[in-house]
Amino acid sequence: ALHKMADQVDRLQLAWIAAGRPAKPLDEMFEGGHA
């Protein structure tokens, strides 16, 4: 389970980097259906 969690964190981290390292987590950026 911890290895799966680490894999998920890798995916989130890559998406965060691709988004330009915003100060907010990605889920907060997309609340309400828009960035």
PDB file of all heavy atoms in Angstrom:
ATOM      1  N   ALA A   1       0.830  -1.208   0.000  1.00  0.00           N
ATOM      2  CA  ALA A   1       0.000   0.000   0.000  1.00  0.00           C
ATOM      3  C   ALA A   1       0.867   1.261   0.000  1.00  0.00           C
ATOM      4  O   ALA A   1       0.540   2.244  -0.685  1.00  0.00           O
ATOM      5  CB  ALA A   1      -0.940  -0.006   1.198  1.00  0.00           C
ATOM      6  N   LEU A   2       1.957   1.243   0.731  1.00  0.00           N
ATOM      7  CA  LEU A   2       2.845   2.414   0.769  1.00  0.00           C
ATOM      8  C   LEU A   2       3.535   2.633  -0.572  1.00  0.00           C
ATOM      9  O   LEU A   2       3.731   3.767  -1.004  1.00  0.00           O
ATOM     10  CB  LEU A   2       3.866   2.279   1.897  1.00  0.00           C
ATOM     11  CG  LEU A   2       3.275   2.392   3.301  1.00  0.00           C
ATOM     12  CD1 LEU A   2       4.329   2.080   4.354  1.00  0.00           C
ATOM     13  CD2 LEU A   2       2.666   3.765   3.534  1.00  0.00           C
ATOM     14  N   HIS A   3       3.878   1.550  -1.249  1.00  0.00           N
ATOM     15  CA  HIS A   3       4.462   1.696  -2.586  1.00  0.00           C
ATOM     16  C   HIS A   3       3.427   2.279  -3.551  1.00  0.00           C
ATOM     17  O   HIS A   3       3.766   3.130  -4.385  1.00  0.00           O
ATOM     18  CB  HIS A   3       5.011   0.355  -3.088  1.00  0.00           C
ATOM     19  CG  HIS A   3       6.425   0.119  -2.662  1.00  0.00           C
ATOM     20  ND1 HIS A   3       7.501   0.439  -3.454  1.00  0.00           N
ATOM     21  CD2 HIS A   3       6.935  -0.382  -1.504  1.00  0.00           C
ATOM     22  CE1 HIS A   3       8.619   0.140  -2.814  1.00  0.00           C
ATOM     23  NE2 HIS A   3       8.302  -0.360  -1.635  1.00  0.00           N
ATOM     24  N   LYS A   4       2.175   1.857  -3.452  1.00  0.00           N
ATOM     25  CA  LYS A   4       1.120   2.425  -4.297  1.00  0.00           C
ATOM     26  C   LYS A   4       0.914   3.901  -3.978  1.00  0.00           C
ATOM     27  O   LYS A   4       0.713   4.725  -4.879  1.00  0.00           O
ATOM     28  CB  LYS A   4      -0.193   1.656  -4.120  1.00  0.00           C
ATOM     29  CG  LYS A   4      -0.188   0.309  -4.785  1.00  0.00           C
ATOM     30  CD  LYS A   4      -1.512  -0.396  -4.611  1.00  0.00           C
ATOM     31  CE  LYS A   4      -1.466  -1.765  -5.237  1.00  0.00           C
ATOM     32  NZ  LYS A   4      -2.717  -2.514  -5.049  1.00  0.00           N
ATOM     33  N   MET A   5       0.959   4.268  -2.699  1.00  0.00           N
ATOM     34  CA  MET A   5       0.821   5.670  -2.311  1.00  0.00           C
ATOM     35  C   MET A   5       1.985   6.483  -2.876  1.00  0.00           C
ATOM     36  O   MET A   5       1.792   7.588  -3.386  1.00  0.00           O
ATOM     37  CB  MET A   5       0.756   5.808  -0.786  1.00  0.00           C
ATOM     38  CG  MET A   5       0.634   7.236  -0.291  1.00  0.00           C
ATOM     39  SD  MET A   5      -0.809   8.159  -0.876  1.00  0.00           S
ATOM     40  CE  MET A   5      -2.136   7.139  -0.279  1.00  0.00           C
ATOM     41  N   ALA A   6       3.183   5.940  -2.826  1.00  0.00           N
ATOM     42  CA  ALA A   6       4.343   6.634  -3.388  1.00  0.00           C
ATOM     43  C   ALA A   6       4.189   6.807  -4.905  1.00  0.00           C
ATOM     44  O   ALA A   6       4.535   7.863  -5.451  1.00  0.00           O
ATOM     45  CB  ALA A   6       5.628   5.883  -3.053  1.00  0.00           C
ATOM     46  N   ASP A   7       3.645   5.802  -5.587  1.00  0.00           N
ATOM     47  CA  ASP A   7       3.392   5.923  -7.031  1.00  0.00           C
ATOM     48  C   ASP A   7       2.393   7.048  -7.307  1.00  0.00           C
ATOM     49  O   ASP A   7       2.555   7.822  -8.251  1.00  0.00           O
ATOM     50  CB  ASP A   7       2.866   4.607  -7.604  1.00  0.00           C
ATOM     51  CG  ASP A   7       3.900   3.493  -7.597  1.00  0.00           C
ATOM     52  OD1 ASP A   7       5.105   3.773  -7.412  1.00  0.00           O
ATOM     53  OD2 ASP A   7       3.493   2.324  -7.768  1.00  0.00           O
ATOM     54  N   GLN A   8       1.351   7.135  -6.479  1.00  0.00           N
ATOM     55  CA  GLN A   8       0.363   8.203  -6.634  1.00  0.00           C
ATOM     56  C   GLN A   8       1.017   9.571  -6.411  1.00  0.00           C
ATOM     57  O   GLN A   8       0.764  10.520  -7.146  1.00  0.00           O
ATOM     58  CB  GLN A   8      -0.796   8.004  -5.660  1.00  0.00           C
ATOM     59  CG  GLN A   8      -1.842   9.099  -5.745  1.00  0.00           C
ATOM     60  CD  GLN A   8      -2.946   8.935  -4.722  1.00  0.00           C
ATOM     61  OE1 GLN A   8      -2.896   8.083  -3.853  1.00  0.00           O
ATOM     62  NE2 GLN A   8      -3.947   9.777  -4.820  1.00  0.00           N
ATOM     63  N   VAL A   9       1.864   9.672  -5.411  1.00  0.00           N
ATOM     64  CA  VAL A   9       2.559  10.928  -5.132  1.00  0.00           C
ATOM     65  C   VAL A   9       3.463  11.299  -6.313  1.00  0.00           C
ATOM     66  O   VAL A   9       3.547  12.469  -6.690  1.00  0.00           O
ATOM     67  CB  VAL A   9       3.329  10.843  -3.800  1.00  0.00           C
ATOM     68  CG1 VAL A   9       4.343  11.975  -3.662  1.00  0.00           C
ATOM     69  CG2 VAL A   9       2.350  10.871  -2.638  1.00  0.00           C
ATOM     70  N   ASP A  10       4.124  10.306  -6.924  1.00  0.00           N
ATOM     71  CA  ASP A  10       4.936  10.589  -8.118  1.00  0.00           C
ATOM     72  C   ASP A  10       4.085  11.212  -9.223  1.00  0.00           C
ATOM     73  O   ASP A  10       4.484  12.198  -9.845  1.00  0.00           O
ATOM     74  CB  ASP A  10       5.581   9.309  -8.654  1.00  0.00           C
ATOM     75  CG  ASP A  10       6.874   8.946  -7.962  1.00  0.00           C
ATOM     76  OD1 ASP A  10       7.516   9.832  -7.351  1.00  0.00           O
ATOM     77  OD2 ASP A  10       7.259   7.757  -8.045  1.00  0.00           O
ATOM     78  N   ARG A  11       2.903  10.647  -9.465  1.00  0.00           N
ATOM     79  CA  ARG A  11       2.022  11.176 -10.509  1.00  0.00           C
ATOM     80  C   ARG A  11       1.551  12.595 -10.167  1.00  0.00           C
ATOM     81  O   ARG A  11       1.548  13.483 -11.026  1.00  0.00           O
ATOM     82  CB  ARG A  11       0.831  10.240 -10.729  1.00  0.00           C
ATOM     83  CG  ARG A  11       1.215   8.938 -11.422  1.00  0.00           C
ATOM     84  CD  ARG A  11       0.016   8.112 -11.829  1.00  0.00           C
ATOM     85  NE  ARG A  11      -0.800   7.663 -10.717  1.00  0.00           N
ATOM     86  CZ  ARG A  11      -0.572   6.586  -9.979  1.00  0.00           C
ATOM     87  NH1 ARG A  11       0.462   5.809 -10.237  1.00  0.00           N
ATOM     88  NH2 ARG A  11      -1.371   6.251  -8.992  1.00  0.00           N
ATOM     89  N   LEU A  12       1.159  12.817  -8.925  1.00  0.00           N
ATOM     90  CA  LEU A  12       0.742  14.153  -8.501  1.00  0.00           C
ATOM     91  C   LEU A  12       1.889  15.158  -8.622  1.00  0.00           C
ATOM     92  O   LEU A  12       1.685  16.288  -9.067  1.00  0.00           O
ATOM     93  CB  LEU A  12       0.218  14.117  -7.064  1.00  0.00           C
ATOM     94  CG  LEU A  12      -1.138  13.454  -6.850  1.00  0.00           C
ATOM     95  CD1 LEU A  12      -1.369  13.183  -5.369  1.00  0.00           C
ATOM     96  CD2 LEU A  12      -2.241  14.323  -7.420  1.00  0.00           C
ATOM     97  N   GLN A  13       3.074  14.736  -8.224  1.00  0.00           N
ATOM     98  CA  GLN A  13       4.237  15.617  -8.286  1.00  0.00           C
ATOM     99  C   GLN A  13       4.542  16.013  -9.734  1.00  0.00           C
ATOM    100  O   GLN A  13       4.803  17.185 -10.014  1.00  0.00           O
ATOM    101  CB  GLN A  13       5.453  14.931  -7.639  1.00  0.00           C
ATOM    102  CG  GLN A  13       6.676  15.799  -7.525  1.00  0.00           C
ATOM    103  CD  GLN A  13       6.559  16.846  -6.433  1.00  0.00           C
ATOM    104  OE1 GLN A  13       5.533  17.023  -5.775  1.00  0.00           O
ATOM    105  NE2 GLN A  13       7.636  17.576  -6.220  1.00  0.00           N
ATOM    106  N   LEU A  14       4.497  15.061 -10.655  1.00  0.00           N
ATOM    107  CA  LEU A  14       4.750  15.368 -12.064  1.00  0.00           C
ATOM    108  C   LEU A  14       3.700  16.332 -12.615  1.00  0.00           C
ATOM    109  O   LEU A  14       4.032  17.263 -13.356  1.00  0.00           O
ATOM    110  CB  LEU A  14       4.787  14.085 -12.887  1.00  0.00           C
ATOM    111  CG  LEU A  14       6.025  13.201 -12.673  1.00  0.00           C
ATOM    112  CD1 LEU A  14       5.876  11.884 -13.417  1.00  0.00           C
ATOM    113  CD2 LEU A  14       7.295  13.925 -13.095  1.00  0.00           C
ATOM    114  N   ALA A  15       2.438  16.121 -12.242  1.00  0.00           N
ATOM    115  CA  ALA A  15       1.370  17.027 -12.688  1.00  0.00           C
ATOM    116  C   ALA A  15       1.567  18.415 -12.093  1.00  0.00           C
ATOM    117  O   ALA A  15       1.351  19.427 -12.774  1.00  0.00           O
ATOM    118  CB  ALA A  15       0.004  16.466 -12.309  1.00  0.00           C
ATOM    119  N   TRP A  16       1.982  18.490 -10.842  1.00  0.00           N
ATOM    120  CA  TRP A  16       2.230  19.771 -10.182  1.00  0.00           C
ATOM    121  C   TRP A  16       3.369  20.520 -10.868  1.00  0.00           C
ATOM    122  O   TRP A  16       3.280  21.721 -11.131  1.00  0.00           O
ATOM    123  CB  TRP A  16       2.530  19.521  -8.700  1.00  0.00           C
ATOM    124  CG  TRP A  16       2.882  20.726  -7.896  1.00  0.00           C
ATOM    125  CD1 TRP A  16       2.051  21.737  -7.521  1.00  0.00           C
ATOM    126  CD2 TRP A  16       4.164  21.049  -7.351  1.00  0.00           C
ATOM    127  NE1 TRP A  16       2.737  22.666  -6.769  1.00  0.00           N
ATOM    128  CE2 TRP A  16       4.028  22.261  -6.655  1.00  0.00           C
ATOM    129  CE3 TRP A  16       5.401  20.418  -7.371  1.00  0.00           C
ATOM    130  CZ2 TRP A  16       5.099  22.854  -5.989  1.00  0.00           C
ATOM    131  CZ3 TRP A  16       6.462  21.016  -6.707  1.00  0.00           C
ATOM    132  CH2 TRP A  16       6.298  22.225  -6.029  1.00  0.00           C
ATOM    133  N   ILE A  17       4.440  19.800 -11.200  1.00  0.00           N
ATOM    134  CA  ILE A  17       5.572  20.413 -11.903  1.00  0.00           C
ATOM    135  C   ILE A  17       5.129  20.896 -13.277  1.00  0.00           C
ATOM    136  O   ILE A  17       5.447  22.013 -13.689  1.00  0.00           O
ATOM    137  CB  ILE A  17       6.753  19.431 -11.997  1.00  0.00           C
ATOM    138  CG1 ILE A  17       7.350  19.213 -10.593  1.00  0.00           C
ATOM    139  CG2 ILE A  17       7.817  19.923 -12.973  1.00  0.00           C
ATOM    140  CD1 ILE A  17       8.323  18.059 -10.500  1.00  0.00           C
ATOM    141  N   ALA A  18       4.366  20.062 -14.010  1.00  0.00           N
ATOM    142  CA  ALA A  18       3.882  20.436 -15.340  1.00  0.00           C
ATOM    143  C   ALA A  18       2.971  21.666 -15.281  1.00  0.00           C
ATOM    144  O   ALA A  18       2.921  22.456 -16.230  1.00  0.00           O
ATOM    145  CB  ALA A  18       3.139  19.266 -15.985  1.00  0.00           C
ATOM    146  N   ALA A  19       2.275  21.848 -14.158  1.00  0.00           N
ATOM    147  CA  ALA A  19       1.390  23.009 -13.988  1.00  0.00           C
ATOM    148  C   ALA A  19       2.156  24.265 -13.577  1.00  0.00           C
ATOM    149  O   ALA A  19       1.554  25.307 -13.350  1.00  0.00           O
ATOM    150  CB  ALA A  19       0.306  22.687 -12.956  1.00  0.00           C
ATOM    151  N   GLY A  20       3.477  24.163 -13.444  1.00  0.00           N
ATOM    152  CA  GLY A  20       4.277  25.333 -13.102  1.00  0.00           C
ATOM    153  C   GLY A  20       4.527  25.520 -11.624  1.00  0.00           C
ATOM    154  O   GLY A  20       4.833  26.613 -11.184  1.00  0.00           O
ATOM    155  N   ARG A  21       4.362  24.459 -10.836  1.00  0.00           N
ATOM    156  CA  ARG A  21       4.596  24.489  -9.383  1.00  0.00           C
ATOM    157  C   ARG A  21       3.758  25.555  -8.673  1.00  0.00           C
ATOM    158  O   ARG A  21       4.278  26.409  -7.944  1.00  0.00           O
ATOM    159  CB  ARG A  21       6.072  24.687  -9.063  1.00  0.00           C
ATOM    160  CG  ARG A  21       6.947  23.582  -9.578  1.00  0.00           C
ATOM    161  CD  ARG A  21       8.410  23.869  -9.285  1.00  0.00           C
ATOM    162  NE  ARG A  21       9.261  22.889  -9.898  1.00  0.00           N
ATOM    163  CZ  ARG A  21       9.864  21.891  -9.244  1.00  0.00           C
ATOM    164  NH1 ARG A  21       9.703  21.768  -7.961  1.00  0.00           N
ATOM    165  NH2 ARG A  21      10.620  21.042  -9.896  1.00  0.00           N
ATOM    166  N   PRO A  22       2.441  25.528  -8.872  1.00  0.00           N
ATOM    167  CA  PRO A  22       1.595  26.527  -8.203  1.00  0.00           C
ATOM    168  C   PRO A  22       1.638  26.368  -6.681  1.00  0.00           C
ATOM    169  O   PRO A  22       1.962  25.303  -6.159  1.00  0.00           O
ATOM    170  CB  PRO A  22       0.201  26.224  -8.745  1.00  0.00           C
ATOM    171  CG  PRO A  22       0.259  24.803  -9.185  1.00  0.00           C
ATOM    172  CD  PRO A  22       1.666  24.563  -9.636  1.00  0.00           C
ATOM    173  N   ALA A  23       1.303  27.432  -5.978  1.00  0.00           N
ATOM    174  CA  ALA A  23       1.342  27.429  -4.509  1.00  0.00           C
ATOM    175  C   ALA A  23       0.202  26.634  -3.890  1.00  0.00           C
ATOM    176  O   ALA A  23       0.248  26.320  -2.708  1.00  0.00           O
ATOM    177  CB  ALA A  23       1.319  28.855  -3.989  1.00  0.00           C
ATOM    178  N   LYS A  24      -0.833  26.328  -4.674  1.00  0.00           N
ATOM    179  CA  LYS A  24      -1.964  25.559  -4.159  1.00  0.00           C
ATOM    180  C   LYS A  24      -1.911  24.145  -4.708  1.00  0.00           C
ATOM    181  O   LYS A  24      -1.414  23.923  -5.811  1.00  0.00           O
ATOM    182  CB  LYS A  24      -3.286  26.185  -4.610  1.00  0.00           C
ATOM    183  CG  LYS A  24      -3.593  27.509  -3.990  1.00  0.00           C
ATOM    184  CD  LYS A  24      -4.946  27.995  -4.445  1.00  0.00           C
ATOM    185  CE  LYS A  24      -5.330  29.288  -3.782  1.00  0.00           C
ATOM    186  NZ  LYS A  24      -6.671  29.707  -4.193  1.00  0.00           N
ATOM    187  N   PRO A  25      -2.470  23.177  -3.964  1.00  0.00           N
ATOM    188  CA  PRO A  25      -2.550  21.824  -4.513  1.00  0.00           C
ATOM    189  C   PRO A  25      -3.462  21.803  -5.738  1.00  0.00           C
ATOM    190  O   PRO A  25      -4.354  22.644  -5.882  1.00  0.00           O
ATOM    191  CB  PRO A  25      -3.119  20.987  -3.375  1.00  0.00           C
ATOM    192  CG  PRO A  25      -3.569  21.928  -2.330  1.00  0.00           C
ATOM    193  CD  PRO A  25      -3.002  23.278  -2.618  1.00  0.00           C
ATOM    194  N   LEU A  26      -3.227  20.851  -6.616  1.00  0.00           N
ATOM    195  CA  LEU A  26      -3.957  20.785  -7.874  1.00  0.00           C
ATOM    196  C   LEU A  26      -5.461  20.688  -7.680  1.00  0.00           C
ATOM    197  O   LEU A  26      -6.222  21.311  -8.425  1.00  0.00           O
ATOM    198  CB  LEU A  26      -3.454  19.603  -8.709  1.00  0.00           C
ATOM    199  CG  LEU A  26      -1.987  19.684  -9.122  1.00  0.00           C
ATOM    200  CD1 LEU A  26      -1.582  18.400  -9.839  1.00  0.00           C
ATOM    201  CD2 LEU A  26      -1.726  20.902  -9.978  1.00  0.00           C
ATOM    202  N   ASP A  27      -5.921  19.944  -6.688  1.00  0.00           N
ATOM    203  CA  ASP A  27      -7.363  19.803  -6.491  1.00  0.00           C
ATOM    204  C   ASP A  27      -8.011  21.133  -6.125  1.00  0.00           C
ATOM    205  O   ASP A  27      -9.136  21.408  -6.514  1.00  0.00           O
ATOM    206  CB  ASP A  27      -7.703  18.709  -5.480  1.00  0.00           C
ATOM    207  CG  ASP A  27      -7.051  18.911  -4.132  1.00  0.00           C
ATOM    208  OD1 ASP A  27      -6.006  19.578  -4.050  1.00  0.00           O
ATOM    209  OD2 ASP A  27      -7.581  18.384  -3.156  1.00  0.00           O
ATOM    210  N   GLU A  28      -7.313  22.008  -5.414  1.00  0.00           N
ATOM    211  CA  GLU A  28      -7.865  23.328  -5.097  1.00  0.00           C
ATOM    212  C   GLU A  28      -7.927  24.215  -6.345  1.00  0.00           C
ATOM    213  O   GLU A  28      -8.820  25.032  -6.482  1.00  0.00           O
ATOM    214  CB  GLU A  28      -7.020  24.029  -4.034  1.00  0.00           C
ATOM    215  CG  GLU A  28      -7.277  23.548  -2.638  1.00  0.00           C
ATOM    216  CD  GLU A  28      -6.528  24.367  -1.600  1.00  0.00           C
ATOM    217  OE1 GLU A  28      -6.176  25.540  -1.876  1.00  0.00           O
ATOM    218  OE2 GLU A  28      -6.286  23.823  -0.518  1.00  0.00           O
ATOM    219  N   MET A  29      -6.983  24.015  -7.247  1.00  0.00           N
ATOM    220  CA  MET A  29      -6.964  24.815  -8.471  1.00  0.00           C
ATOM    221  C   MET A  29      -8.167  24.496  -9.378  1.00  0.00           C
ATOM    222  O   MET A  29      -8.618  25.350 -10.111  1.00  0.00           O
ATOM    223  CB  MET A  29      -5.691  24.561  -9.261  1.00  0.00           C
ATOM    224  CG  MET A  29      -4.445  25.086  -8.600  1.00  0.00           C
ATOM    225  SD  MET A  29      -2.963  24.655  -9.504  1.00  0.00           S
ATOM    226  CE  MET A  29      -3.368  25.191 -11.163  1.00  0.00           C
ATOM    227  N   PHE A  30      -8.655  23.270  -9.296  1.00  0.00           N
ATOM    228  CA  PHE A  30      -9.713  22.833 -10.202  1.00  0.00           C
ATOM    229  C   PHE A  30     -11.079  22.736  -9.555  1.00  0.00           C
ATOM    230  O   PHE A  30     -12.001  22.229 -10.141  1.00  0.00           O
ATOM    231  CB  PHE A  30      -9.317  21.508 -10.853  1.00  0.00           C
ATOM    232  CG  PHE A  30      -8.127  21.647 -11.758  1.00  0.00           C
ATOM    233  CD1 PHE A  30      -6.882  21.253 -11.336  1.00  0.00           C
ATOM    234  CD2 PHE A  30      -8.261  22.224 -13.002  1.00  0.00           C
ATOM    235  CE1 PHE A  30      -5.774  21.401 -12.150  1.00  0.00           C
ATOM    236  CE2 PHE A  30      -7.167  22.383 -13.831  1.00  0.00           C
ATOM    237  CZ  PHE A  30      -5.919  21.969 -13.401  1.00  0.00           C
ATOM    238  N   GLU A  31     -11.217  23.214  -8.322  1.00  0.00           N
ATOM    239  CA  GLU A  31     -12.539  23.221  -7.682  1.00  0.00           C
ATOM    240  C   GLU A  31     -13.481  24.092  -8.496  1.00  0.00           C
ATOM    241  O   GLU A  31     -13.105  25.158  -8.968  1.00  0.00           O
ATOM    242  CB  GLU A  31     -12.433  23.739  -6.248  1.00  0.00           C
ATOM    243  CG  GLU A  31     -11.840  22.732  -5.301  1.00  0.00           C
ATOM    244  CD  GLU A  31     -11.751  23.276  -3.886  1.00  0.00           C
ATOM    245  OE1 GLU A  31     -12.076  24.453  -3.659  1.00  0.00           O
ATOM    246  OE2 GLU A  31     -11.345  22.499  -3.016  1.00  0.00           O
ATOM    247  N   GLY A  32     -14.666  23.636  -8.697  1.00  0.00           N
ATOM    248  CA  GLY A  32     -15.652  24.390  -9.467  1.00  0.00           C
ATOM    249  C   GLY A  32     -15.507  24.175 -10.962  1.00  0.00           C
ATOM    250  O   GLY A  32     -16.168  24.822 -11.744  1.00  0.00           O
ATOM    251  N   GLY A  33     -14.584  23.273 -11.389  1.00  0.00           N
ATOM    252  CA  GLY A  33     -14.472  22.909 -12.783  1.00  0.00           C
ATOM    253  C   GLY A  33     -13.570  23.791 -13.622  1.00  0.00           C
ATOM    254  O   GLY A  33     -13.561  23.670 -14.827  1.00  0.00           O
ATOM    255  N   HIS A  34     -12.779  24.671 -13.016  1.00  0.00           N
ATOM    256  CA  HIS A  34     -11.880  25.490 -13.821  1.00  0.00           C
ATOM    257  C   HIS A  34     -10.602  25.794 -13.043  1.00  0.00           C
ATOM    258  O   HIS A  34     -10.567  25.684 -11.829  1.00  0.00           O
ATOM    259  CB  HIS A  34     -12.560  26.793 -14.234  1.00  0.00           C
ATOM    260  CG  HIS A  34     -12.965  27.639 -13.068  1.00  0.00           C
ATOM    261  ND1 HIS A  34     -14.047  27.340 -12.277  1.00  0.00           N
ATOM    262  CD2 HIS A  34     -12.418  28.766 -12.554  1.00  0.00           C
ATOM    263  CE1 HIS A  34     -14.144  28.256 -11.312  1.00  0.00           C
ATOM    264  NE2 HIS A  34     -13.180  29.114 -11.463  1.00  0.00           N
ATOM    265  N   ALA A  35      -9.581  26.173 -13.786  1.00  0.00           N
ATOM    266  CA  ALA A  35      -8.293  26.488 -13.159  1.00  0.00           C
ATOM    267  C   ALA A  35      -8.139  27.989 -13.028  1.00  0.00           C
ATOM    268  O   ALA A  35      -8.738  28.763 -13.682  1.00  0.00           O
ATOM    269  CB  ALA A  35      -7.161  25.951 -13.999  1.00  0.00           C
TER     270      ALA A  35
END
